[in-house]
Amino acid sequence: MAVGARDYIDKLLVKKYADEKVDNHDAMTSMVDPNKMLDAMNDVAAIQRNMFMLSQKLCSTCYAINAKAARYQKKEFVEQ
């Protein structure tokens, strides 16, 4: 996979933004500790994963209960 502008629009965008200055994030001090932020994100991901697994177990349990409680009736079909 090549890196760089391939068509005319990409080349114009490269030319336009070639001299733009961006913030240097390494030189900035952050108001939030990155390690605490990553720990919080990890906790949220673990909670969501556990909630999804619990939801799946609940769904399969409800399916099994409904399947056991189902009463099937035999119907006679009239052929014409």
Protein backbone atom coordinates (compact mmCIF):
# COMPACT_ATOMS: atom_id res chain seq x y z
CA MET A 1 0.00 0.00 0.00
CA ALA A 2 1.58 3.24 -1.12
CA VAL A 3 1.75 6.34 1.02
CA GLY A 4 1.16 9.70 -0.57
CA ALA A 5 -1.19 11.58 -2.81
CA ARG A 6 -2.59 9.53 -5.65
CA ASP A 7 -5.02 11.82 -7.44
CA TYR A 8 -5.34 15.52 -8.16
CA ILE A 9 -7.47 16.36 -5.11
CA ASP A 10 -5.08 14.59 -2.74
CA LYS A 11 -2.14 16.46 -4.27
CA LEU A 12 -3.92 19.79 -3.78
CA LEU A 13 -4.69 18.92 -0.16
CA VAL A 14 -1.05 17.97 0.45
CA LYS A 15 0.09 21.25 -1.06
CA LYS A 16 -2.43 23.23 1.00
CA TYR A 17 -1.62 21.64 4.35
CA ALA A 18 2.13 21.10 3.86
CA ASP A 19 3.11 24.23 5.78
CA GLU A 20 0.43 24.10 8.48
CA LYS A 21 1.62 24.05 12.07
CA VAL A 22 0.13 21.57 14.51
CA ASP A 23 0.22 21.36 18.27
CA ASN A 24 3.08 19.34 19.70
CA HIS A 25 1.29 17.15 22.22
CA ASP A 26 4.53 15.94 23.79
CA ALA A 27 5.36 19.47 24.96
CA MET A 28 1.90 20.10 26.44
CA THR A 29 0.88 19.30 29.98
CA SER A 30 -2.36 17.41 30.27
CA MET A 31 -5.07 18.15 32.81
CA VAL A 32 -5.89 14.43 32.95
CA ASP A 33 -3.38 11.76 33.88
CA PRO A 34 -3.17 9.43 30.85
CA ASN A 35 -2.71 6.33 33.01
CA LYS A 36 -5.84 7.13 35.02
CA MET A 37 -7.75 7.77 31.79
CA LEU A 38 -6.64 4.43 30.33
CA ASP A 39 -7.56 2.65 33.57
CA ALA A 40 -11.02 4.25 33.49
CA MET A 41 -11.47 3.27 29.82
CA ASN A 42 -10.38 -0.29 30.66
CA ASP A 43 -12.92 -0.43 33.51
CA VAL A 44 -15.73 0.78 31.24
CA ALA A 45 -14.77 -1.78 28.59
CA ALA A 46 -14.75 -4.59 31.18
CA ILE A 47 -18.17 -3.53 32.47
CA GLN A 48 -19.61 -3.41 28.95
CA ARG A 49 -18.12 -6.82 28.13
CA ASN A 50 -19.59 -8.32 31.32
CA MET A 51 -22.98 -6.74 30.66
CA PHE A 52 -22.99 -8.16 27.13
CA MET A 53 -22.12 -11.65 28.40
CA LEU A 54 -24.83 -11.38 31.07
CA SER A 55 -27.33 -10.27 28.43
CA GLN A 56 -26.42 -13.25 26.23
CA LYS A 57 -26.84 -15.67 29.15
CA LEU A 58 -30.19 -14.11 30.04
CA CYS A 59 -31.34 -14.37 26.43
CA SER A 60 -30.41 -18.06 26.18
CA THR A 61 -32.04 -18.80 29.55
CA CYS A 62 -35.27 -17.07 28.52
CA TYR A 63 -35.20 -18.95 25.22
CA ALA A 64 -34.84 -22.26 27.06
CA ILE A 65 -37.66 -21.42 29.48
CA ASN A 66 -39.98 -20.38 26.65
CA ALA A 67 -39.11 -23.56 24.71
CA LYS A 68 -39.95 -25.77 27.71
CA ALA A 69 -43.18 -23.91 28.41
CA ALA A 70 -44.37 -24.05 24.81
CA ARG A 71 -47.39 -26.21 24.12
CA TYR A 72 -47.47 -27.55 20.63
CA GLN A 73 -50.74 -28.51 19.03
CA LYS A 74 -51.10 -30.78 16.09
CA LYS A 75 -53.18 -29.24 13.31
CA GLU A 76 -54.85 -31.11 10.55
CA PHE A 77 -54.38 -29.54 7.15
CA VAL A 78 -57.15 -29.86 4.66
CA GLU A 79 -55.81 -30.44 1.18
CA GLN A 80 -57.81 -29.03 -1.71
